[in-house]
């Protein structure tokens, strides 16, 4: 079974945890041997931007000592053999340039999403 996990809600639970829960789940499922890919759309396209740093966050006097490294998590997914797609129009809408992105991301036009989804047995939308 081939699964595409669509992540649209960005930075889910990253204040409480050090990982986006769905990206973490994708790692676990891929690591268990599933044939899984990820599509980032909406605000989640920001996950592919290289120069982001959540270090220095503090709530009151309590520092966040283990800030999320979402782009590192995405890079690790690609290294595991997971295809990671980003919606080109969502990058453009946020002013994100290709030069700012992690290598290995597959840019897909919104008009080609149906073809992209067609290659999967299940599509999960988060």
PDB file of N, CA and C in Angstrom:
ATOM      1  N   UNK A   1       0.844  -1.179   0.000  1.00  0.00           N
ATOM      2  CA  UNK A   1       0.000   0.000   0.000  1.00  0.00           C
ATOM      3  C   UNK A   1       0.885   1.236   0.000  1.00  0.00           C
ATOM      4  N   UNK A   2       0.581   2.147  -0.902  1.00  0.00           N
ATOM      5  CA  UNK A   2       1.347   3.385  -1.010  1.00  0.00           C
ATOM      6  C   UNK A   2       0.509   4.539  -0.453  1.00  0.00           C
ATOM      7  N   UNK A   3       1.090   5.311   0.460  1.00  0.00           N
ATOM      8  CA  UNK A   3       0.361   6.364   1.177  1.00  0.00           C
ATOM      9  C   UNK A   3       1.005   7.725   0.926  1.00  0.00           C
ATOM     10  N   UNK A   4       0.160   8.714   0.677  1.00  0.00           N
ATOM     11  CA  UNK A   4       0.608  10.105   0.632  1.00  0.00           C
ATOM     12  C   UNK A   4       0.000  10.820   1.826  1.00  0.00           C
ATOM     13  N   UNK A   5       0.849  11.407   2.645  1.00  0.00           N
ATOM     14  CA  UNK A   5       0.405  12.165   3.806  1.00  0.00           C
ATOM     15  C   UNK A   5       0.491  13.645   3.468  1.00  0.00           C
ATOM     16  N   UNK A   6      -0.660  14.310   3.415  1.00  0.00           N
ATOM     17  CA  UNK A   6      -0.698  15.739   3.104  1.00  0.00           C
ATOM     18  C   UNK A   6      -0.687  16.515   4.412  1.00  0.00           C
ATOM     19  N   UNK A   7       0.310  17.358   4.588  1.00  0.00           N
ATOM     20  CA  UNK A   7       0.420  18.181   5.792  1.00  0.00           C
ATOM     21  C   UNK A   7       0.116  19.619   5.393  1.00  0.00           C
ATOM     22  N   UNK A   8      -0.932  20.174   5.981  1.00  0.00           N
ATOM     23  CA  UNK A   8      -1.324  21.545   5.679  1.00  0.00           C
ATOM     24  C   UNK A   8      -1.207  22.444   6.910  1.00  0.00           C
ATOM     25  N   UNK A   9      -1.499  21.895   8.072  1.00  0.00           N
ATOM     26  CA  UNK A   9      -1.402  22.672   9.312  1.00  0.00           C
ATOM     27  C   UNK A   9       0.050  22.680   9.768  1.00  0.00           C
ATOM     28  N   UNK A  10       0.638  23.860   9.785  1.00  0.00           N
ATOM     29  CA  UNK A  10       2.060  23.983  10.102  1.00  0.00           C
ATOM     30  C   UNK A  10       2.311  24.129  11.597  1.00  0.00           C
ATOM     31  N   UNK A  11       3.431  23.610  12.011  1.00  0.00           N
ATOM     32  CA  UNK A  11       3.939  23.741  13.386  1.00  0.00           C
ATOM     33  C   UNK A  11       2.964  23.182  14.419  1.00  0.00           C
ATOM     34  N   UNK A  12       2.286  22.095  14.033  1.00  0.00           N
ATOM     35  CA  UNK A  12       1.347  21.428  14.933  1.00  0.00           C
ATOM     36  C   UNK A  12       2.110  20.891  16.141  1.00  0.00           C
ATOM     37  N   UNK A  13       1.737  21.339  17.324  1.00  0.00           N
ATOM     38  CA  UNK A  13       2.265  20.850  18.603  1.00  0.00           C
ATOM     39  C   UNK A  13       3.744  21.147  18.822  1.00  0.00           C
ATOM     40  N   UNK A  14       4.332  22.065  18.056  1.00  0.00           N
ATOM     41  CA  UNK A  14       5.765  22.313  18.223  1.00  0.00           C
ATOM     42  C   UNK A  14       6.091  23.183  19.431  1.00  0.00           C
ATOM     43  N   UNK A  15       5.086  23.747  20.091  1.00  0.00           N
ATOM     44  CA  UNK A  15       5.350  24.436  21.354  1.00  0.00           C
ATOM     45  C   UNK A  15       5.451  23.405  22.469  1.00  0.00           C
ATOM     46  N   UNK A  16       4.562  22.402  22.431  1.00  0.00           N
ATOM     47  CA  UNK A  16       4.546  21.392  23.482  1.00  0.00           C
ATOM     48  C   UNK A  16       5.605  20.313  23.278  1.00  0.00           C
ATOM     49  N   UNK A  17       5.879  19.992  22.041  1.00  0.00           N
ATOM     50  CA  UNK A  17       6.813  18.920  21.692  1.00  0.00           C
ATOM     51  C   UNK A  17       7.941  19.521  20.859  1.00  0.00           C
ATOM     52  N   UNK A  18       8.971  18.743  20.625  1.00  0.00           N
ATOM     53  CA  UNK A  18      10.045  19.254  19.780  1.00  0.00           C
ATOM     54  C   UNK A  18       9.834  18.892  18.315  1.00  0.00           C
ATOM     55  N   UNK A  19       8.792  18.142  18.009  1.00  0.00           N
ATOM     56  CA  UNK A  19       8.537  17.714  16.643  1.00  0.00           C
ATOM     57  C   UNK A  19       7.109  18.079  16.240  1.00  0.00           C
ATOM     58  N   UNK A  20       6.916  18.288  14.939  1.00  0.00           N
ATOM     59  CA  UNK A  20       5.556  18.319  14.399  1.00  0.00           C
ATOM     60  C   UNK A  20       5.044  16.891  14.499  1.00  0.00           C
ATOM     61  N   UNK A  21       3.875  16.715  15.073  1.00  0.00           N
ATOM     62  CA  UNK A  21       3.388  15.357  15.332  1.00  0.00           C
ATOM     63  C   UNK A  21       3.223  14.540  14.049  1.00  0.00           C
ATOM     64  N   UNK A  22       2.774  15.158  12.973  1.00  0.00           N
ATOM     65  CA  UNK A  22       2.536  14.407  11.739  1.00  0.00           C
ATOM     66  C   UNK A  22       3.849  14.076  11.039  1.00  0.00           C
ATOM     67  N   UNK A  23       4.792  14.975  11.071  1.00  0.00           N
ATOM     68  CA  UNK A  23       6.111  14.664  10.496  1.00  0.00           C
ATOM     69  C   UNK A  23       6.759  13.544  11.308  1.00  0.00           C
ATOM     70  N   UNK A  24       6.614  13.608  12.629  1.00  0.00           N
ATOM     71  CA  UNK A  24       7.140  12.541  13.489  1.00  0.00           C
ATOM     72  C   UNK A  24       6.479  11.211  13.137  1.00  0.00           C
ATOM     73  N   UNK A  25       5.149  11.221  12.987  1.00  0.00           N
ATOM     74  CA  UNK A  25       4.411  10.008  12.638  1.00  0.00           C
ATOM     75  C   UNK A  25       4.861   9.472  11.274  1.00  0.00           C
ATOM     76  N   UNK A  26       5.095  10.365  10.341  1.00  0.00           N
ATOM     77  CA  UNK A  26       5.565   9.951   9.008  1.00  0.00           C
ATOM     78  C   UNK A  26       6.914   9.251   9.112  1.00  0.00           C
ATOM     79  N   UNK A  27       7.802   9.774   9.947  1.00  0.00           N
ATOM     80  CA  UNK A  27       9.092   9.113  10.179  1.00  0.00           C
ATOM     81  C   UNK A  27       8.880   7.705  10.728  1.00  0.00           C
ATOM     82  N   UNK A  28       8.006   7.590  11.717  1.00  0.00           N
ATOM     83  CA  UNK A  28       7.782   6.292  12.348  1.00  0.00           C
ATOM     84  C   UNK A  28       7.209   5.287  11.357  1.00  0.00           C
ATOM     85  N   UNK A  29       6.252   5.719  10.567  1.00  0.00           N
ATOM     86  CA  UNK A  29       5.615   4.812   9.602  1.00  0.00           C
ATOM     87  C   UNK A  29       6.597   4.423   8.510  1.00  0.00           C
ATOM     88  N   UNK A  30       7.345   5.402   8.007  1.00  0.00           N
ATOM     89  CA  UNK A  30       8.359   5.097   6.982  1.00  0.00           C
ATOM     90  C   UNK A  30       9.419   4.162   7.567  1.00  0.00           C
ATOM     91  N   UNK A  31       9.821   4.424   8.792  1.00  0.00           N
ATOM     92  CA  UNK A  31      10.824   3.583   9.446  1.00  0.00           C
ATOM     93  C   UNK A  31      10.346   2.161   9.664  1.00  0.00           C
ATOM     94  N   UNK A  32       9.033   1.979   9.782  1.00  0.00           N
ATOM     95  CA  UNK A  32       8.472   0.632   9.958  1.00  0.00           C
ATOM     96  C   UNK A  32       8.342  -0.097   8.622  1.00  0.00           C
ATOM     97  N   UNK A  33       8.714   0.589   7.534  1.00  0.00           N
ATOM     98  CA  UNK A  33       8.732  -0.082   6.243  1.00  0.00           C
ATOM     99  C   UNK A  33       7.609   0.285   5.292  1.00  0.00           C
ATOM    100  N   UNK A  34       6.746   1.217   5.691  1.00  0.00           N
ATOM    101  CA  UNK A  34       5.638   1.607   4.816  1.00  0.00           C
ATOM    102  C   UNK A  34       6.155   2.424   3.633  1.00  0.00           C
ATOM    103  N   UNK A  35       5.428   2.339   2.541  1.00  0.00           N
ATOM    104  CA  UNK A  35       5.729   3.133   1.351  1.00  0.00           C
ATOM    105  C   UNK A  35       4.971   4.444   1.484  1.00  0.00           C
ATOM    106  N   UNK A  36       5.626   5.445   2.016  1.00  0.00           N
ATOM    107  CA  UNK A  36       4.959   6.702   2.344  1.00  0.00           C
ATOM    108  C   UNK A  36       5.707   7.893   1.775  1.00  0.00           C
ATOM    109  N   UNK A  37       4.949   8.842   1.250  1.00  0.00           N
ATOM    110  CA  UNK A  37       5.486  10.120   0.827  1.00  0.00           C
ATOM    111  C   UNK A  37       4.701  11.219   1.523  1.00  0.00           C
ATOM    112  N   UNK A  38       5.211  12.449   1.432  1.00  0.00           N
ATOM    113  CA  UNK A  38       4.600  13.586   2.128  1.00  0.00           C
ATOM    114  C   UNK A  38       4.414  14.732   1.137  1.00  0.00           C
ATOM    115  N   UNK A  39       3.282  15.390   1.221  1.00  0.00           N
ATOM    116  CA  UNK A  39       3.030  16.607   0.444  1.00  0.00           C
ATOM    117  C   UNK A  39       2.793  17.745   1.423  1.00  0.00           C
ATOM    118  N   UNK A  40       3.555  18.818   1.275  1.00  0.00           N
ATOM    119  CA  UNK A  40       3.400  20.005   2.115  1.00  0.00           C
ATOM    120  C   UNK A  40       2.630  21.049   1.336  1.00  0.00           C
ATOM    121  N   UNK A  41       1.557  21.552   1.920  1.00  0.00           N
ATOM    122  CA  UNK A  41       0.794  22.615   1.274  1.00  0.00           C
ATOM    123  C   UNK A  41       0.351  23.618   2.317  1.00  0.00           C
ATOM    124  N   UNK A  42      -0.209  24.720   1.851  1.00  0.00           N
ATOM    125  CA  UNK A  42      -0.615  25.777   2.785  1.00  0.00           C
ATOM    126  C   UNK A  42       0.606  26.271   3.556  1.00  0.00           C
ATOM    127  N   UNK A  43       0.401  26.607   4.817  1.00  0.00           N
ATOM    128  CA  UNK A  43       1.508  27.120   5.631  1.00  0.00           C
ATOM    129  C   UNK A  43       2.612  26.093   5.869  1.00  0.00           C
ATOM    130  N   UNK A  44       2.327  24.821   5.683  1.00  0.00           N
ATOM    131  CA  UNK A  44       3.343  23.784   5.910  1.00  0.00           C
ATOM    132  C   UNK A  44       4.457  23.803   4.855  1.00  0.00           C
ATOM    133  N   UNK A  45       4.273  24.545   3.742  1.00  0.00           N
ATOM    134  CA  UNK A  45       5.384  24.643   2.783  1.00  0.00           C
ATOM    135  C   UNK A  45       6.593  25.303   3.428  1.00  0.00           C
ATOM    136  N   UNK A  46       6.360  26.048   4.495  1.00  0.00           N
ATOM    137  CA  UNK A  46       7.474  26.690   5.205  1.00  0.00           C
ATOM    138  C   UNK A  46       8.438  25.661   5.798  1.00  0.00           C
ATOM    139  N   UNK A  47       7.996  24.426   5.947  1.00  0.00           N
ATOM    140  CA  UNK A  47       8.865  23.382   6.507  1.00  0.00           C
ATOM    141  C   UNK A  47      10.099  23.134   5.642  1.00  0.00           C
ATOM    142  N   UNK A  48      10.070  23.524   4.392  1.00  0.00           N
ATOM    143  CA  UNK A  48      11.216  23.308   3.499  1.00  0.00           C
ATOM    144  C   UNK A  48      12.215  24.446   3.491  1.00  0.00           C
ATOM    145  N   UNK A  49      11.952  25.516   4.244  1.00  0.00           N
ATOM    146  CA  UNK A  49      12.844  26.678   4.256  1.00  0.00           C
ATOM    147  C   UNK A  49      14.046  26.405   5.158  1.00  0.00           C
ATOM    148  N   UNK A  50      15.237  26.606   4.587  1.00  0.00           N
ATOM    149  CA  UNK A  50      16.468  26.266   5.292  1.00  0.00           C
ATOM    150  C   UNK A  50      16.754  27.151   6.502  1.00  0.00           C
ATOM    151  N   UNK A  51      16.690  28.442   6.342  1.00  0.00           N
ATOM    152  CA  UNK A  51      17.137  29.360   7.396  1.00  0.00           C
ATOM    153  C   UNK A  51      16.003  29.675   8.363  1.00  0.00           C
ATOM    154  N   UNK A  52      15.666  28.729   9.198  1.00  0.00           N
ATOM    155  CA  UNK A  52      14.703  28.985  10.253  1.00  0.00           C
ATOM    156  C   UNK A  52      15.276  28.417  11.538  1.00  0.00           C
ATOM    157  N   UNK A  53      15.032  29.132  12.608  1.00  0.00           N
ATOM    158  CA  UNK A  53      15.629  28.745  13.884  1.00  0.00           C
ATOM    159  C   UNK A  53      14.673  29.113  15.011  1.00  0.00           C
ATOM    160  N   UNK A  54      14.215  28.099  15.719  1.00  0.00           N
ATOM    161  CA  UNK A  54      13.306  28.332  16.839  1.00  0.00           C
ATOM    162  C   UNK A  54      14.070  28.427  18.157  1.00  0.00           C
ATOM    163  N   UNK A  55      15.386  28.447  18.075  1.00  0.00           N
ATOM    164  CA  UNK A  55      16.196  28.571  19.288  1.00  0.00           C
ATOM    165  C   UNK A  55      15.954  29.916  19.954  1.00  0.00           C
ATOM    166  N   UNK A  56      16.124  29.964  21.224  1.00  0.00           N
ATOM    167  CA  UNK A  56      15.958  31.213  21.956  1.00  0.00           C
ATOM    168  C   UNK A  56      14.564  31.428  22.497  1.00  0.00           C
ATOM    169  N   UNK A  57      13.647  30.513  22.173  1.00  0.00           N
ATOM    170  CA  UNK A  57      12.288  30.649  22.672  1.00  0.00           C
ATOM    171  C   UNK A  57      12.273  30.415  24.183  1.00  0.00           C
ATOM    172  N   UNK A  58      11.580  31.288  24.882  1.00  0.00           N
ATOM    173  CA  UNK A  58      11.388  31.117  26.319  1.00  0.00           C
ATOM    174  C   UNK A  58       9.956  31.492  26.646  1.00  0.00           C
ATOM    175  N   UNK A  59       9.380  30.765  27.572  1.00  0.00           N
ATOM    176  CA  UNK A  59       8.046  31.087  28.065  1.00  0.00           C
ATOM    177  C   UNK A  59       8.232  31.521  29.509  1.00  0.00           C
ATOM    178  N   UNK A  60       8.101  32.833  29.715  1.00  0.00           N
ATOM    179  CA  UNK A  60       8.454  33.388  31.016  1.00  0.00           C
ATOM    180  C   UNK A  60       9.956  33.264  31.192  1.00  0.00           C
ATOM    181  N   UNK A  61      10.364  32.645  32.285  1.00  0.00           N
ATOM    182  CA  UNK A  61      11.799  32.458  32.528  1.00  0.00           C
ATOM    183  C   UNK A  61      12.277  31.067  32.128  1.00  0.00           C
ATOM    184  N   UNK A  62      11.352  30.256  31.588  1.00  0.00           N
ATOM    185  CA  UNK A  62      11.692  28.882  31.196  1.00  0.00           C
ATOM    186  C   UNK A  62      12.072  28.819  29.718  1.00  0.00           C
ATOM    187  N   UNK A  63      13.347  28.547  29.432  1.00  0.00           N
ATOM    188  CA  UNK A  63      13.760  28.443  28.031  1.00  0.00           C
ATOM    189  C   UNK A  63      13.334  27.105  27.430  1.00  0.00           C
ATOM    190  N   UNK A  64      13.032  27.130  26.144  1.00  0.00           N
ATOM    191  CA  UNK A  64      12.782  25.892  25.398  1.00  0.00           C
ATOM    192  C   UNK A  64      14.160  25.364  25.027  1.00  0.00           C
ATOM    193  N   UNK A  65      14.589  24.305  25.683  1.00  0.00           N
ATOM    194  CA  UNK A  65      15.953  23.805  25.493  1.00  0.00           C
ATOM    195  C   UNK A  65      16.087  22.859  24.309  1.00  0.00           C
ATOM    196  N   UNK A  66      14.959  22.370  23.786  1.00  0.00           N
ATOM    197  CA  UNK A  66      15.005  21.467  22.633  1.00  0.00           C
ATOM    198  C   UNK A  66      14.026  21.971  21.575  1.00  0.00           C
ATOM    199  N   UNK A  67      14.381  23.073  20.905  1.00  0.00           N
ATOM    200  CA  UNK A  67      13.457  23.627  19.909  1.00  0.00           C
ATOM    201  C   UNK A  67      13.316  22.686  18.711  1.00  0.00           C
ATOM    202  N   UNK A  68      12.200  22.788  18.002  1.00  0.00           N
ATOM    203  CA  UNK A  68      12.006  21.927  16.831  1.00  0.00           C
ATOM    204  C   UNK A  68      12.997  22.260  15.724  1.00  0.00           C
ATOM    205  N   UNK A  69      13.353  21.239  14.963  1.00  0.00           N
ATOM    206  CA  UNK A  69      14.193  21.389  13.770  1.00  0.00           C
ATOM    207  C   UNK A  69      13.421  20.748  12.620  1.00  0.00           C
ATOM    208  N   UNK A  70      12.376  21.426  12.197  1.00  0.00           N
ATOM    209  CA  UNK A  70      11.473  20.843  11.208  1.00  0.00           C
ATOM    210  C   UNK A  70      12.181  20.610   9.877  1.00  0.00           C
ATOM    211  N   UNK A  71      12.968  21.572   9.423  1.00  0.00           N
ATOM    212  CA  UNK A  71      13.654  21.374   8.137  1.00  0.00           C
ATOM    213  C   UNK A  71      14.624  20.187   8.228  1.00  0.00           C
ATOM    214  N   UNK A  72      15.243  20.007   9.387  1.00  0.00           N
ATOM    215  CA  UNK A  72      16.095  18.830   9.587  1.00  0.00           C
ATOM    216  C   UNK A  72      15.284  17.542   9.549  1.00  0.00           C
ATOM    217  N   UNK A  73      14.076  17.587  10.098  1.00  0.00           N
ATOM    218  CA  UNK A  73      13.187  16.423  10.064  1.00  0.00           C
ATOM    219  C   UNK A  73      12.768  16.102   8.623  1.00  0.00           C
ATOM    220  N   UNK A  74      12.500  17.136   7.830  1.00  0.00           N
ATOM    221  CA  UNK A  74      12.127  16.923   6.425  1.00  0.00           C
ATOM    222  C   UNK A  74      13.320  16.350   5.659  1.00  0.00           C
ATOM    223  N   UNK A  75      14.488  16.881   5.901  1.00  0.00           N
ATOM    224  CA  UNK A  75      15.700  16.372   5.245  1.00  0.00           C
ATOM    225  C   UNK A  75      15.908  14.895   5.578  1.00  0.00           C
ATOM    226  N   UNK A  76      15.680  14.523   6.823  1.00  0.00           N
ATOM    227  CA  UNK A  76      15.826  13.118   7.228  1.00  0.00           C
ATOM    228  C   UNK A  76      14.796  12.223   6.538  1.00  0.00           C
ATOM    229  N   UNK A  77      13.585  12.744   6.337  1.00  0.00           N
ATOM    230  CA  UNK A  77      12.573  11.970   5.597  1.00  0.00           C
ATOM    231  C   UNK A  77      13.048  11.691   4.175  1.00  0.00           C
ATOM    232  N   UNK A  78      13.606  12.711   3.525  1.00  0.00           N
ATOM    233  CA  UNK A  78      14.115  12.546   2.159  1.00  0.00           C
ATOM    234  C   UNK A  78      15.238  11.505   2.148  1.00  0.00           C
ATOM    235  N   UNK A  79      16.103  11.562   3.152  1.00  0.00           N
ATOM    236  CA  UNK A  79      17.210  10.594   3.241  1.00  0.00           C
ATOM    237  C   UNK A  79      16.697   9.169   3.445  1.00  0.00           C
ATOM    238  N   UNK A  80      15.527   9.023   4.050  1.00  0.00           N
ATOM    239  CA  UNK A  80      14.927   7.694   4.240  1.00  0.00           C
ATOM    240  C   UNK A  80      14.265   7.171   2.964  1.00  0.00           C
ATOM    241  N   UNK A  81      14.248   8.004   1.913  1.00  0.00           N
ATOM    242  CA  UNK A  81      13.639   7.580   0.656  1.00  0.00           C
ATOM    243  C   UNK A  81      12.223   8.062   0.461  1.00  0.00           C
ATOM    244  N   UNK A  82      11.790   8.944   1.321  1.00  0.00           N
ATOM    245  CA  UNK A  82      10.449   9.511   1.225  1.00  0.00           C
ATOM    246  C   UNK A  82      10.474  10.672   0.229  1.00  0.00           C
ATOM    247  N   UNK A  83       9.551  10.685  -0.724  1.00  0.00           N
ATOM    248  CA  UNK A  83       9.405  11.852  -1.588  1.00  0.00           C
ATOM    249  C   UNK A  83       8.654  12.912  -0.805  1.00  0.00           C
ATOM    250  N   UNK A  84       9.158  14.130  -0.852  1.00  0.00           N
ATOM    251  CA  UNK A  84       8.476  15.243  -0.190  1.00  0.00           C
ATOM    252  C   UNK A  84       8.133  16.270  -1.275  1.00  0.00           C
ATOM    253  N   UNK A  85       6.829  16.496  -1.454  1.00  0.00           N
ATOM    254  CA  UNK A  85       6.325  17.443  -2.441  1.00  0.00           C
ATOM    255  C   UNK A  85       5.946  18.738  -1.734  1.00  0.00           C
ATOM    256  N   UNK A  86       6.089  19.856  -2.429  1.00  0.00           N
ATOM    257  CA  UNK A  86       5.584  21.150  -1.950  1.00  0.00           C
ATOM    258  C   UNK A  86       4.779  21.779  -3.077  1.00  0.00           C
ATOM    259  N   UNK A  87       3.699  22.446  -2.718  1.00  0.00           N
ATOM    260  CA  UNK A  87       2.839  23.088  -3.715  1.00  0.00           C
ATOM    261  C   UNK A  87       3.454  24.434  -4.099  1.00  0.00           C
ATOM    262  N   UNK A  88       3.786  24.542  -5.381  1.00  0.00           N
ATOM    263  CA  UNK A  88       4.496  25.723  -5.898  1.00  0.00           C
ATOM    264  C   UNK A  88       3.730  27.026  -5.612  1.00  0.00           C
ATOM    265  N   UNK A  89       2.430  27.035  -5.818  1.00  0.00           N
ATOM    266  CA  UNK A  89       1.650  28.259  -5.618  1.00  0.00           C
ATOM    267  C   UNK A  89       1.657  28.689  -4.149  1.00  0.00           C
ATOM    268  N   UNK A  90       1.715  27.722  -3.236  1.00  0.00           N
ATOM    269  CA  UNK A  90       1.754  28.062  -1.809  1.00  0.00           C
ATOM    270  C   UNK A  90       3.111  28.663  -1.432  1.00  0.00           C
ATOM    271  N   UNK A  91       4.170  28.208  -2.101  1.00  0.00           N
ATOM    272  CA  UNK A  91       5.483  28.847  -1.903  1.00  0.00           C
ATOM    273  C   UNK A  91       5.429  30.288  -2.402  1.00  0.00           C
ATOM    274  N   UNK A  92       4.903  30.469  -3.606  1.00  0.00           N
ATOM    275  CA  UNK A  92       4.821  31.809  -4.198  1.00  0.00           C
ATOM    276  C   UNK A  92       3.984  32.750  -3.332  1.00  0.00           C
ATOM    277  N   UNK A  93       2.858  32.254  -2.821  1.00  0.00           N
ATOM    278  CA  UNK A  93       1.962  33.089  -2.006  1.00  0.00           C
ATOM    279  C   UNK A  93       2.644  33.584  -0.734  1.00  0.00           C
ATOM    280  N   UNK A  94       3.645  32.856  -0.275  1.00  0.00           N
ATOM    281  CA  UNK A  94       4.352  33.234   0.955  1.00  0.00           C
ATOM    282  C   UNK A  94       5.694  33.894   0.672  1.00  0.00           C
ATOM    283  N   UNK A  95       5.973  34.123  -0.615  1.00  0.00           N
ATOM    284  CA  UNK A  95       7.215  34.796  -0.991  1.00  0.00           C
ATOM    285  C   UNK A  95       8.455  33.948  -0.772  1.00  0.00           C
ATOM    286  N   UNK A  96       8.294  32.639  -0.756  1.00  0.00           N
ATOM    287  CA  UNK A  96       9.431  31.735  -0.534  1.00  0.00           C
ATOM    288  C   UNK A  96      10.080  31.431  -1.880  1.00  0.00           C
ATOM    289  N   UNK A  97      11.373  31.756  -1.975  1.00  0.00           N
ATOM    290  CA  UNK A  97      12.120  31.533  -3.216  1.00  0.00           C
ATOM    291  C   UNK A  97      12.752  30.144  -3.212  1.00  0.00           C
ATOM    292  N   UNK A  98      12.957  29.600  -4.398  1.00  0.00           N
ATOM    293  CA  UNK A  98      13.575  28.272  -4.501  1.00  0.00           C
ATOM    294  C   UNK A  98      14.939  28.233  -3.844  1.00  0.00           C
ATOM    295  N   UNK A  99      15.681  29.344  -3.919  1.00  0.00           N
ATOM    296  CA  UNK A  99      17.024  29.392  -3.330  1.00  0.00           C
ATOM    297  C   UNK A  99      16.985  29.251  -1.811  1.00  0.00           C
ATOM    298  N   UNK A 100      15.825  29.446  -1.205  1.00  0.00           N
ATOM    299  CA  UNK A 100      15.690  29.342   0.251  1.00  0.00           C
ATOM    300  C   UNK A 100      15.324  27.928   0.707  1.00  0.00           C
ATOM    301  N   UNK A 101      15.086  27.037  -0.270  1.00  0.00           N
ATOM    302  CA  UNK A 101      14.542  25.720   0.058  1.00  0.00           C
ATOM    303  C   UNK A 101      15.601  24.634   0.175  1.00  0.00           C
ATOM    304  N   UNK A 102      15.281  23.672   0.963  1.00  0.00           N
ATOM    305  CA  UNK A 102      16.043  22.442   1.102  1.00  0.00           C
ATOM    306  C   UNK A 102      16.107  21.730  -0.253  1.00  0.00           C
ATOM    307  N   UNK A 103      17.261  21.172  -0.576  1.00  0.00           N
ATOM    308  CA  UNK A 103      17.361  20.392  -1.812  1.00  0.00           C
ATOM    309  C   UNK A 103      16.599  19.086  -1.647  1.00  0.00           C
ATOM    310  N   UNK A 104      16.085  18.600  -2.761  1.00  0.00           N
ATOM    311  CA  UNK A 104      15.407  17.312  -2.740  1.00  0.00           C
ATOM    312  C   UNK A 104      13.899  17.405  -2.653  1.00  0.00           C
ATOM    313  N   UNK A 105      13.374  18.634  -2.493  1.00  0.00           N
ATOM    314  CA  UNK A 105      11.924  18.812  -2.484  1.00  0.00           C
ATOM    315  C   UNK A 105      11.416  18.751  -3.917  1.00  0.00           C
ATOM    316  N   UNK A 106      10.260  18.160  -4.108  1.00  0.00           N
ATOM    317  CA  UNK A 106       9.625  18.077  -5.420  1.00  0.00           C
ATOM    318  C   UNK A 106       8.527  19.123  -5.491  1.00  0.00           C
ATOM    319  N   UNK A 107       8.726  20.141  -6.328  1.00  0.00           N
ATOM    320  CA  UNK A 107       7.713  21.182  -6.473  1.00  0.00           C
ATOM    321  C   UNK A 107       6.633  20.684  -7.427  1.00  0.00           C
ATOM    322  N   UNK A 108       5.379  20.876  -7.028  1.00  0.00           N
ATOM    323  CA  UNK A 108       4.259  20.442  -7.852  1.00  0.00           C
ATOM    324  C   UNK A 108       3.262  21.588  -7.963  1.00  0.00           C
ATOM    325  N   UNK A 109       2.791  21.823  -9.183  1.00  0.00           N
ATOM    326  CA  UNK A 109       1.774  22.864  -9.399  1.00  0.00           C
ATOM    327  C   UNK A 109       0.432  22.354  -8.900  1.00  0.00           C
ATOM    328  N   UNK A 110      -0.366  23.265  -8.352  1.00  0.00           N
ATOM    329  CA  UNK A 110      -1.683  22.862  -7.850  1.00  0.00           C
ATOM    330  C   UNK A 110      -2.498  22.178  -8.954  1.00  0.00           C
ATOM    331  N   UNK A 111      -2.333  22.621 -10.187  1.00  0.00           N
ATOM    332  CA  UNK A 111      -3.081  22.025 -11.309  1.00  0.00           C
ATOM    333  C   UNK A 111      -2.652  20.576 -11.572  1.00  0.00           C
ATOM    334  N   UNK A 112      -1.519  20.156 -11.035  1.00  0.00           N
ATOM    335  CA  UNK A 112      -1.044  18.770 -11.218  1.00  0.00           C
ATOM    336  C   UNK A 112      -1.244  17.893  -9.985  1.00  0.00           C
ATOM    337  N   UNK A 113      -1.938  18.423  -8.963  1.00  0.00           N
ATOM    338  CA  UNK A 113      -2.127  17.639  -7.740  1.00  0.00           C
ATOM    339  C   UNK A 113      -2.925  16.362  -7.990  1.00  0.00           C
ATOM    340  N   UNK A 114      -3.932  16.432  -8.850  1.00  0.00           N
ATOM    341  CA  UNK A 114      -4.746  15.229  -9.100  1.00  0.00           C
ATOM    342  C   UNK A 114      -3.867  14.109  -9.660  1.00  0.00           C
ATOM    343  N   UNK A 115      -2.980  14.431 -10.576  1.00  0.00           N
ATOM    344  CA  UNK A 115      -2.063  13.417 -11.116  1.00  0.00           C
ATOM    345  C   UNK A 115      -1.155  12.877 -10.016  1.00  0.00           C
ATOM    346  N   UNK A 116      -0.705  13.768  -9.149  1.00  0.00           N
ATOM    347  CA  UNK A 116       0.173  13.360  -8.045  1.00  0.00           C
ATOM    348  C   UNK A 116      -0.570  12.407  -7.103  1.00  0.00           C
ATOM    349  N   UNK A 117      -1.802  12.740  -6.733  1.00  0.00           N
ATOM    350  CA  UNK A 117      -2.579  11.914  -5.803  1.00  0.00           C
ATOM    351  C   UNK A 117      -2.948  10.571  -6.420  1.00  0.00           C
ATOM    352  N   UNK A 118      -3.068  10.550  -7.717  1.00  0.00           N
ATOM    353  CA  UNK A 118      -3.489   9.343  -8.419  1.00  0.00           C
ATOM    354  C   UNK A 118      -2.518   8.176  -8.228  1.00  0.00           C
ATOM    355  N   UNK A 119      -1.297   8.445  -7.865  1.00  0.00           N
ATOM    356  CA  UNK A 119      -0.309   7.381  -7.711  1.00  0.00           C
ATOM    357  C   UNK A 119      -0.317   6.712  -6.341  1.00  0.00           C
ATOM    358  N   UNK A 120      -1.304   7.030  -5.502  1.00  0.00           N
ATOM    359  CA  UNK A 120      -1.317   6.511  -4.129  1.00  0.00           C
ATOM    360  C   UNK A 120      -2.597   5.725  -3.844  1.00  0.00           C
ATOM    361  N   UNK A 121      -2.469   4.684  -3.020  1.00  0.00           N
ATOM    362  CA  UNK A 121      -3.631   3.894  -2.612  1.00  0.00           C
ATOM    363  C   UNK A 121      -4.451   4.624  -1.552  1.00  0.00           C
ATOM    364  N   UNK A 122      -3.763   5.362  -0.677  1.00  0.00           N
ATOM    365  CA  UNK A 122      -4.440   6.131   0.368  1.00  0.00           C
ATOM    366  C   UNK A 122      -3.817   7.520   0.446  1.00  0.00           C
ATOM    367  N   UNK A 123      -4.667   8.502   0.716  1.00  0.00           N
ATOM    368  CA  UNK A 123      -4.208   9.872   0.920  1.00  0.00           C
ATOM    369  C   UNK A 123      -4.737  10.321   2.274  1.00  0.00           C
ATOM    370  N   UNK A 124      -3.820  10.701   3.137  1.00  0.00           N
ATOM    371  CA  UNK A 124      -4.198  11.187   4.478  1.00  0.00           C
ATOM    372  C   UNK A 124      -3.979  12.692   4.500  1.00  0.00           C
ATOM    373  N   UNK A 125      -4.951  13.435   4.997  1.00  0.00           N
ATOM    374  CA  UNK A 125      -4.847  14.894   5.029  1.00  0.00           C
ATOM    375  C   UNK A 125      -4.866  15.371   6.474  1.00  0.00           C
ATOM    376  N   UNK A 126      -3.869  16.085   6.848  1.00  0.00           N
ATOM    377  CA  UNK A 126      -3.729  16.554   8.238  1.00  0.00           C
ATOM    378  C   UNK A 126      -3.853  18.048   8.307  1.00  0.00           C
TER     379      UNK A 126
END
